[in-house]
Amino acid sequence: MIFVERFNFFELNLRKLNNYTMKFFIDTANLAQIKEANDLGILDGVTTNPSLMAKEGIKGNDNVLKHYKAICEIVEGDVSAEVISIDFEGMIREGETLASIDEKIVVKIPMIKEGVKAIKHLTSMGIKTNCTLIFGPGQAILAAKAGATYISPFVGRLDDISYDGMELIAQISQIYGMQGYQSQILAASIRNPMHIIKAAQLGAHVITSPLDSILALLKHPLTDIGLEKFLADHKKSNS
């Protein structure tokens, strides 16, 4: 039975890998970092939240909306913008306002009862949504049933409480593969390059990460040693 379950799990992930390539989002509101990642040629989108906006000193509703627009002008892909309200009417009102900024905007909604209702409503209006603060597979199922475009399991925060965050990615990937849910698994709260690699192995559709974790994928000591030797040999042969 265990062998069958493991076979089905990896078979399903292989099928999924034939249908998409994992996307790279950057998790920041810093315009310079977004531009740097975009210039690297691998950026597919951006995620933000109120904490990231505050970190950049973006204050006041008008300034926040303008900042979202500035981000949309840099990238070609989706940009997640989070609501502040936690009541249904408030989330719908904010969601409509955010969606009107640019067609790239994805409205970020918290995984709460009223949030699930808001996701269903916004989805019916043709507005893309990202269900955030997911920490369990049951929450991921509800978000997918409501029609969320993306669901955001927080890997690093689970690791912080001595739970294997990547196990959640594996669970959701298996469930979505079996059930045919269309929501994209967006691995969030990425803390290091190994999180990115594991997310790719386990079938995440998207990762969102700080710039330093993305850039860390470039590094390997043998690459540095090899390049240094190639350059030294070239210099020696041409001196």
C-alpha atoms as a PDB file:
ATOM      1  CA  MET A   1       0.000   0.000   0.000  1.00  0.00           C
ATOM      2  CA  ILE A   2       2.817   2.405   0.857  1.00  0.00           C
ATOM      3  CA  PHE A   3       4.554   1.600  -2.438  1.00  0.00           C
ATOM      4  CA  VAL A   4       1.346   2.275  -4.384  1.00  0.00           C
ATOM      5  CA  GLU A   5       0.853   5.608  -2.619  1.00  0.00           C
ATOM      6  CA  ARG A   6       4.447   6.655  -3.317  1.00  0.00           C
ATOM      7  CA  PHE A   7       4.176   5.577  -6.960  1.00  0.00           C
ATOM      8  CA  ASN A   8       0.937   7.514  -7.451  1.00  0.00           C
ATOM      9  CA  PHE A   9       2.436  10.564  -5.776  1.00  0.00           C
ATOM     10  CA  PHE A  10       5.490  10.747  -8.021  1.00  0.00           C
ATOM     11  CA  GLU A  11       3.525   9.752 -11.131  1.00  0.00           C
ATOM     12  CA  LEU A  12       1.112  12.605 -10.544  1.00  0.00           C
ATOM     13  CA  ASN A  13       3.926  15.072 -10.010  1.00  0.00           C
ATOM     14  CA  LEU A  14       5.617  13.895 -13.220  1.00  0.00           C
ATOM     15  CA  ARG A  15       2.422  14.544 -15.151  1.00  0.00           C
ATOM     16  CA  LYS A  16       2.197  18.010 -13.643  1.00  0.00           C
ATOM     17  CA  LEU A  17       5.808  18.775 -14.521  1.00  0.00           C
ATOM     18  CA  ASN A  18       4.989  18.012 -18.144  1.00  0.00           C
ATOM     19  CA  ASN A  19       2.300  20.696 -18.068  1.00  0.00           C
ATOM     20  CA  TYR A  20       4.040  23.683 -16.505  1.00  0.00           C
ATOM     21  CA  THR A  21       7.330  25.224 -15.481  1.00  0.00           C
ATOM     22  CA  MET A  22       7.655  26.537 -11.933  1.00  0.00           C
ATOM     23  CA  LYS A  23       7.417  30.321 -11.851  1.00  0.00           C
ATOM     24  CA  PHE A  24       9.621  32.657  -9.831  1.00  0.00           C
ATOM     25  CA  PHE A  25       7.997  35.532  -7.929  1.00  0.00           C
ATOM     26  CA  ILE A  26       9.880  37.955  -5.712  1.00  0.00           C
ATOM     27  CA  ASP A  27       8.444  38.709  -2.283  1.00  0.00           C
ATOM     28  CA  THR A  28       9.098  42.394  -1.741  1.00  0.00           C
ATOM     29  CA  ALA A  29       7.789  45.910  -2.265  1.00  0.00           C
ATOM     30  CA  ASN A  30      11.285  47.269  -2.932  1.00  0.00           C
ATOM     31  CA  LEU A  31      11.351  48.625  -6.492  1.00  0.00           C
ATOM     32  CA  ALA A  32      15.134  48.338  -6.843  1.00  0.00           C
ATOM     33  CA  GLN A  33      15.082  44.648  -5.888  1.00  0.00           C
ATOM     34  CA  ILE A  34      12.172  43.986  -8.245  1.00  0.00           C
ATOM     35  CA  LYS A  35      14.095  45.650 -11.084  1.00  0.00           C
ATOM     36  CA  GLU A  36      17.228  43.630 -10.258  1.00  0.00           C
ATOM     37  CA  ALA A  37      15.311  40.342 -10.337  1.00  0.00           C
ATOM     38  CA  ASN A  38      13.532  41.363 -13.518  1.00  0.00           C
ATOM     39  CA  ASP A  39      16.829  42.275 -15.193  1.00  0.00           C
ATOM     40  CA  LEU A  40      18.109  38.803 -14.353  1.00  0.00           C
ATOM     41  CA  GLY A  41      15.535  37.515 -16.819  1.00  0.00           C
ATOM     42  CA  ILE A  42      13.845  34.957 -14.570  1.00  0.00           C
ATOM     43  CA  LEU A  43      11.122  36.987 -12.835  1.00  0.00           C
ATOM     44  CA  ASP A  44       7.504  35.947 -13.393  1.00  0.00           C
ATOM     45  CA  GLY A  45       5.724  38.086 -10.822  1.00  0.00           C
ATOM     46  CA  VAL A  46       5.688  39.812  -7.423  1.00  0.00           C
ATOM     47  CA  THR A  47       4.003  39.236  -4.076  1.00  0.00           C
ATOM     48  CA  THR A  48       3.575  41.929  -1.464  1.00  0.00           C
ATOM     49  CA  ASN A  49       1.830  42.346   1.869  1.00  0.00           C
ATOM     50  CA  PRO A  50       1.171  45.186   4.335  1.00  0.00           C
ATOM     51  CA  SER A  51       4.366  44.367   6.258  1.00  0.00           C
ATOM     52  CA  LEU A  52       6.501  44.656   3.119  1.00  0.00           C
ATOM     53  CA  MET A  53       4.833  47.955   2.221  1.00  0.00           C
ATOM     54  CA  ALA A  54       5.500  49.303   5.713  1.00  0.00           C
ATOM     55  CA  LYS A  55       9.128  48.175   5.458  1.00  0.00           C
ATOM     56  CA  GLU A  56       9.530  50.427   2.415  1.00  0.00           C
ATOM     57  CA  GLY A  57       7.858  53.340   4.210  1.00  0.00           C
ATOM     58  CA  ILE A  58       4.812  53.345   1.920  1.00  0.00           C
ATOM     59  CA  LYS A  59       2.056  55.021   3.942  1.00  0.00           C
ATOM     60  CA  GLY A  60      -1.468  56.131   3.110  1.00  0.00           C
ATOM     61  CA  ASN A  61      -3.935  54.389   0.816  1.00  0.00           C
ATOM     62  CA  ASP A  62      -3.222  56.578  -2.229  1.00  0.00           C
ATOM     63  CA  ASN A  63       0.530  56.019  -1.951  1.00  0.00           C
ATOM     64  CA  VAL A  64       0.036  52.268  -1.558  1.00  0.00           C
ATOM     65  CA  LEU A  65      -2.112  52.118  -4.709  1.00  0.00           C
ATOM     66  CA  LYS A  66       0.452  54.182  -6.629  1.00  0.00           C
ATOM     67  CA  HIS A  67       3.213  51.853  -5.459  1.00  0.00           C
ATOM     68  CA  TYR A  68       1.315  48.826  -6.723  1.00  0.00           C
ATOM     69  CA  LYS A  69       0.994  50.548 -10.091  1.00  0.00           C
ATOM     70  CA  ALA A  70       4.734  51.255 -10.124  1.00  0.00           C
ATOM     71  CA  ILE A  71       5.428  47.561  -9.509  1.00  0.00           C
ATOM     72  CA  CYS A  72       3.069  46.573 -12.327  1.00  0.00           C
ATOM     73  CA  GLU A  73       4.982  48.843 -14.691  1.00  0.00           C
ATOM     74  CA  ILE A  74       8.214  46.927 -13.994  1.00  0.00           C
ATOM     75  CA  VAL A  75       7.053  43.318 -14.346  1.00  0.00           C
ATOM     76  CA  GLU A  76       5.080  41.458 -16.980  1.00  0.00           C
ATOM     77  CA  GLY A  77       3.514  38.894 -14.645  1.00  0.00           C
ATOM     78  CA  ASP A  78       1.048  38.843 -11.764  1.00  0.00           C
ATOM     79  CA  VAL A  79       1.394  41.167  -8.776  1.00  0.00           C
ATOM     80  CA  SER A  80      -0.301  40.127  -5.519  1.00  0.00           C
ATOM     81  CA  ALA A  81      -1.804  43.004  -3.531  1.00  0.00           C
ATOM     82  CA  GLU A  82      -3.313  42.233  -0.133  1.00  0.00           C
ATOM     83  CA  VAL A  83      -6.556  43.470   1.382  1.00  0.00           C
ATOM     84  CA  ILE A  84      -6.638  44.833   4.929  1.00  0.00           C
ATOM     85  CA  SER A  85     -10.284  44.151   5.726  1.00  0.00           C
ATOM     86  CA  ILE A  86     -11.351  40.882   7.327  1.00  0.00           C
ATOM     87  CA  ASP A  87     -15.102  41.224   6.688  1.00  0.00           C
ATOM     88  CA  PHE A  88     -16.719  40.057   3.447  1.00  0.00           C
ATOM     89  CA  GLU A  89     -17.981  43.448   2.258  1.00  0.00           C
ATOM     90  CA  GLY A  90     -14.703  45.148   3.062  1.00  0.00           C
ATOM     91  CA  MET A  91     -12.634  42.543   1.231  1.00  0.00           C
ATOM     92  CA  ILE A  92     -14.861  42.780  -1.843  1.00  0.00           C
ATOM     93  CA  ARG A  93     -14.665  46.568  -1.822  1.00  0.00           C
ATOM     94  CA  GLU A  94     -10.870  46.562  -1.448  1.00  0.00           C
ATOM     95  CA  GLY A  95     -10.505  43.753  -3.953  1.00  0.00           C
ATOM     96  CA  GLU A  96     -12.384  45.645  -6.635  1.00  0.00           C
ATOM     97  CA  THR A  97     -10.290  48.750  -5.991  1.00  0.00           C
ATOM     98  CA  LEU A  98      -7.023  46.816  -6.170  1.00  0.00           C
ATOM     99  CA  ALA A  99      -8.068  44.948  -9.315  1.00  0.00           C
ATOM    100  CA  SER A 100      -8.851  48.257 -11.028  1.00  0.00           C
ATOM    101  CA  ILE A 101      -5.206  49.377 -10.713  1.00  0.00           C
ATOM    102  CA  ASP A 102      -3.913  47.045 -13.402  1.00  0.00           C
ATOM    103  CA  GLU A 103      -4.900  43.764 -15.038  1.00  0.00           C
ATOM    104  CA  LYS A 104      -1.789  42.176 -13.494  1.00  0.00           C
ATOM    105  CA  ILE A 105      -3.115  42.625  -9.962  1.00  0.00           C
ATOM    106  CA  VAL A 106      -4.018  39.481  -8.013  1.00  0.00           C
ATOM    107  CA  VAL A 107      -6.084  40.196  -4.901  1.00  0.00           C
ATOM    108  CA  LYS A 108      -4.542  38.575  -1.851  1.00  0.00           C
ATOM    109  CA  ILE A 109      -7.162  37.282   0.613  1.00  0.00           C
ATOM    110  CA  PRO A 110      -6.541  35.694   4.048  1.00  0.00           C
ATOM    111  CA  MET A 111      -7.600  32.097   4.729  1.00  0.00           C
ATOM    112  CA  ILE A 112     -10.570  32.840   6.964  1.00  0.00           C
ATOM    113  CA  LYS A 113     -14.267  32.050   6.602  1.00  0.00           C
ATOM    114  CA  GLU A 114     -15.144  35.437   5.154  1.00  0.00           C
ATOM    115  CA  GLY A 115     -12.050  35.221   2.982  1.00  0.00           C
ATOM    116  CA  VAL A 116     -13.206  31.996   1.352  1.00  0.00           C
ATOM    117  CA  LYS A 117     -16.544  33.659   0.567  1.00  0.00           C
ATOM    118  CA  ALA A 118     -14.713  36.684  -0.852  1.00  0.00           C
ATOM    119  CA  ILE A 119     -12.526  34.486  -3.049  1.00  0.00           C
ATOM    120  CA  LYS A 120     -15.607  32.800  -4.480  1.00  0.00           C
ATOM    121  CA  HIS A 121     -17.264  36.147  -5.168  1.00  0.00           C
ATOM    122  CA  LEU A 122     -14.210  37.821  -6.693  1.00  0.00           C
ATOM    123  CA  THR A 123     -13.513  34.763  -8.832  1.00  0.00           C
ATOM    124  CA  SER A 124     -17.069  34.928 -10.187  1.00  0.00           C
ATOM    125  CA  MET A 125     -16.307  38.525 -11.209  1.00  0.00           C
ATOM    126  CA  GLY A 126     -13.211  37.436 -13.138  1.00  0.00           C
ATOM    127  CA  ILE A 127     -10.794  38.860 -10.560  1.00  0.00           C
ATOM    128  CA  LYS A 128      -7.671  36.793  -9.821  1.00  0.00           C
ATOM    129  CA  THR A 129      -7.082  35.869  -6.180  1.00  0.00           C
ATOM    130  CA  ASN A 130      -4.289  34.585  -3.963  1.00  0.00           C
ATOM    131  CA  CYS A 131      -5.392  32.855  -0.757  1.00  0.00           C
ATOM    132  CA  THR A 132      -2.703  33.631   1.799  1.00  0.00           C
ATOM    133  CA  LEU A 133      -1.736  32.358   5.260  1.00  0.00           C
ATOM    134  CA  ILE A 134      -2.296  28.682   4.471  1.00  0.00           C
ATOM    135  CA  PHE A 135      -0.787  26.278   6.995  1.00  0.00           C
ATOM    136  CA  GLY A 136      -2.732  23.057   6.436  1.00  0.00           C
ATOM    137  CA  PRO A 137      -3.989  20.890   3.554  1.00  0.00           C
ATOM    138  CA  GLY A 138      -7.625  21.367   4.593  1.00  0.00           C
ATOM    139  CA  GLN A 139      -7.268  25.111   4.100  1.00  0.00           C
ATOM    140  CA  ALA A 140      -5.721  24.479   0.672  1.00  0.00           C
ATOM    141  CA  ILE A 141      -8.708  22.337  -0.317  1.00  0.00           C
ATOM    142  CA  LEU A 142     -11.198  25.039   0.686  1.00  0.00           C
ATOM    143  CA  ALA A 143      -9.274  27.729  -1.186  1.00  0.00           C
ATOM    144  CA  ALA A 144      -9.169  25.610  -4.341  1.00  0.00           C
ATOM    145  CA  LYS A 145     -12.891  24.819  -4.064  1.00  0.00           C
ATOM    146  CA  ALA A 146     -13.606  28.552  -3.825  1.00  0.00           C
ATOM    147  CA  GLY A 147     -11.652  29.092  -7.048  1.00  0.00           C
ATOM    148  CA  ALA A 148      -8.473  30.817  -5.849  1.00  0.00           C
ATOM    149  CA  THR A 149      -6.002  31.473  -8.651  1.00  0.00           C
ATOM    150  CA  TYR A 150      -3.107  30.889  -6.246  1.00  0.00           C
ATOM    151  CA  ILE A 151      -2.865  29.429  -2.752  1.00  0.00           C
ATOM    152  CA  SER A 152       0.077  30.422  -0.536  1.00  0.00           C
ATOM    153  CA  PRO A 153       1.350  27.839   1.976  1.00  0.00           C
ATOM    154  CA  PHE A 154       3.849  29.486   4.344  1.00  0.00           C
ATOM    155  CA  VAL A 155       6.805  27.108   4.404  1.00  0.00           C
ATOM    156  CA  GLY A 156       9.250  29.040   6.566  1.00  0.00           C
ATOM    157  CA  ARG A 157       6.764  29.875   9.288  1.00  0.00           C
ATOM    158  CA  LEU A 158       5.948  26.179   9.660  1.00  0.00           C
ATOM    159  CA  ASP A 159       9.665  25.417   9.914  1.00  0.00           C
ATOM    160  CA  ASP A 160       9.845  28.049  12.680  1.00  0.00           C
ATOM    161  CA  ILE A 161       7.537  25.956  14.874  1.00  0.00           C
ATOM    162  CA  SER A 162       9.443  22.714  14.191  1.00  0.00           C
ATOM    163  CA  TYR A 163       7.078  21.480  11.480  1.00  0.00           C
ATOM    164  CA  ASP A 164       8.381  20.481   8.063  1.00  0.00           C
ATOM    165  CA  GLY A 165       6.950  23.180   5.819  1.00  0.00           C
ATOM    166  CA  MET A 166       7.867  21.261   2.677  1.00  0.00           C
ATOM    167  CA  GLU A 167       5.720  18.347   3.830  1.00  0.00           C
ATOM    168  CA  LEU A 168       2.736  20.667   3.408  1.00  0.00           C
ATOM    169  CA  ILE A 169       3.774  21.405  -0.192  1.00  0.00           C
ATOM    170  CA  ALA A 170       3.974  17.658  -0.819  1.00  0.00           C
ATOM    171  CA  GLN A 171       0.536  17.056   0.713  1.00  0.00           C
ATOM    172  CA  ILE A 172      -1.144  19.816  -1.278  1.00  0.00           C
ATOM    173  CA  SER A 173       0.595  18.746  -4.484  1.00  0.00           C
ATOM    174  CA  GLN A 174      -0.646  15.194  -4.034  1.00  0.00           C
ATOM    175  CA  ILE A 175      -4.214  16.281  -3.241  1.00  0.00           C
ATOM    176  CA  TYR A 176      -4.416  18.737  -6.136  1.00  0.00           C
ATOM    177  CA  GLY A 177      -2.995  16.160  -8.525  1.00  0.00           C
ATOM    178  CA  MET A 178      -5.539  13.555  -7.451  1.00  0.00           C
ATOM    179  CA  GLN A 179      -8.526  15.884  -7.350  1.00  0.00           C
ATOM    180  CA  GLY A 180      -7.724  18.010 -10.400  1.00  0.00           C
ATOM    181  CA  TYR A 181      -7.886  21.341  -8.565  1.00  0.00           C
ATOM    182  CA  GLN A 182      -6.801  24.235 -10.779  1.00  0.00           C
ATOM    183  CA  SER A 183      -5.409  26.595  -8.109  1.00  0.00           C
ATOM    184  CA  GLN A 184      -1.656  27.106  -8.386  1.00  0.00           C
ATOM    185  CA  ILE A 185       0.481  26.185  -5.378  1.00  0.00           C
ATOM    186  CA  LEU A 186       2.549  29.264  -4.534  1.00  0.00           C
ATOM    187  CA  ALA A 187       5.203  28.277  -1.991  1.00  0.00           C
ATOM    188  CA  ALA A 188       5.637  31.307   0.273  1.00  0.00           C
ATOM    189  CA  SER A 189       7.745  32.268   3.284  1.00  0.00           C
ATOM    190  CA  ILE A 190      10.801  30.941   1.455  1.00  0.00           C
ATOM    191  CA  ARG A 191      13.901  31.366   3.626  1.00  0.00           C
ATOM    192  CA  ASN A 192      16.759  29.815   1.635  1.00  0.00           C
ATOM    193  CA  PRO A 193      17.698  28.354  -1.764  1.00  0.00           C
ATOM    194  CA  MET A 194      17.004  24.776  -0.603  1.00  0.00           C
ATOM    195  CA  HIS A 195      13.389  25.758  -0.035  1.00  0.00           C
ATOM    196  CA  ILE A 196      13.231  26.783  -3.706  1.00  0.00           C
ATOM    197  CA  ILE A 197      14.787  23.527  -4.903  1.00  0.00           C
ATOM    198  CA  LYS A 198      12.528  21.406  -2.698  1.00  0.00           C
ATOM    199  CA  ALA A 199       9.448  23.314  -3.867  1.00  0.00           C
ATOM    200  CA  ALA A 200      10.397  22.514  -7.459  1.00  0.00           C
ATOM    201  CA  GLN A 201      10.895  18.840  -6.599  1.00  0.00           C
ATOM    202  CA  LEU A 202       7.547  18.581  -4.826  1.00  0.00           C
ATOM    203  CA  GLY A 203       5.447  20.145  -7.557  1.00  0.00           C
ATOM    204  CA  ALA A 204       4.893  23.766  -6.530  1.00  0.00           C
ATOM    205  CA  HIS A 205       3.657  25.855  -9.438  1.00  0.00           C
ATOM    206  CA  VAL A 206       5.269  29.036  -8.086  1.00  0.00           C
ATOM    207  CA  ILE A 207       7.731  30.113  -5.419  1.00  0.00           C
ATOM    208  CA  THR A 208       7.875  33.596  -3.980  1.00  0.00           C
ATOM    209  CA  SER A 209      11.138  34.493  -2.333  1.00  0.00           C
ATOM    210  CA  PRO A 210      13.329  37.344  -1.130  1.00  0.00           C
ATOM    211  CA  LEU A 211      15.943  38.373  -3.679  1.00  0.00           C
ATOM    212  CA  ASP A 212      18.857  36.963  -1.665  1.00  0.00           C
ATOM    213  CA  SER A 213      17.461  33.419  -1.750  1.00  0.00           C
ATOM    214  CA  ILE A 214      17.011  33.630  -5.526  1.00  0.00           C
ATOM    215  CA  LEU A 215      20.540  34.953  -6.024  1.00  0.00           C
ATOM    216  CA  ALA A 216      21.924  32.228  -3.743  1.00  0.00           C
ATOM    217  CA  LEU A 217      20.922  29.694  -6.410  1.00  0.00           C
ATOM    218  CA  LEU A 218      23.720  31.140  -8.561  1.00  0.00           C
ATOM    219  CA  LYS A 219      26.403  30.174  -6.078  1.00  0.00           C
ATOM    220  CA  HIS A 220      28.516  27.034  -5.884  1.00  0.00           C
ATOM    221  CA  PRO A 221      32.142  26.915  -4.687  1.00  0.00           C
ATOM    222  CA  LEU A 222      33.185  24.630  -7.563  1.00  0.00           C
ATOM    223  CA  THR A 223      31.814  27.147 -10.068  1.00  0.00           C
ATOM    224  CA  ASP A 224      34.027  29.841  -8.516  1.00  0.00           C
ATOM    225  CA  ILE A 225      37.052  27.531  -8.435  1.00  0.00           C
ATOM    226  CA  GLY A 226      36.481  26.413 -12.015  1.00  0.00           C
ATOM    227  CA  LEU A 227      36.074  29.950 -13.325  1.00  0.00           C
ATOM    228  CA  GLU A 228      39.181  31.120 -11.467  1.00  0.00           C
ATOM    229  CA  LYS A 229      41.185  28.286 -13.006  1.00  0.00           C
ATOM    230  CA  PHE A 230      39.874  28.940 -16.531  1.00  0.00           C
ATOM    231  CA  LEU A 231      40.782  32.617 -16.276  1.00  0.00           C
ATOM    232  CA  ALA A 232      44.208  31.835 -14.786  1.00  0.00           C
ATOM    233  CA  ASP A 233      44.951  29.333 -17.547  1.00  0.00           C
ATOM    234  CA  HIS A 234      43.845  31.810 -20.206  1.00  0.00           C
ATOM    235  CA  LYS A 235      46.033  34.525 -18.734  1.00  0.00           C
ATOM    236  CA  LYS A 236      49.020  32.159 -18.518  1.00  0.00           C
ATOM    237  CA  SER A 237      48.670  30.970 -22.125  1.00  0.00           C
ATOM    238  CA  ASN A 238      48.359  34.515 -23.436  1.00  0.00           C
ATOM    239  CA  SER A 239      51.135  36.163 -21.414  1.00  0.00           C
END
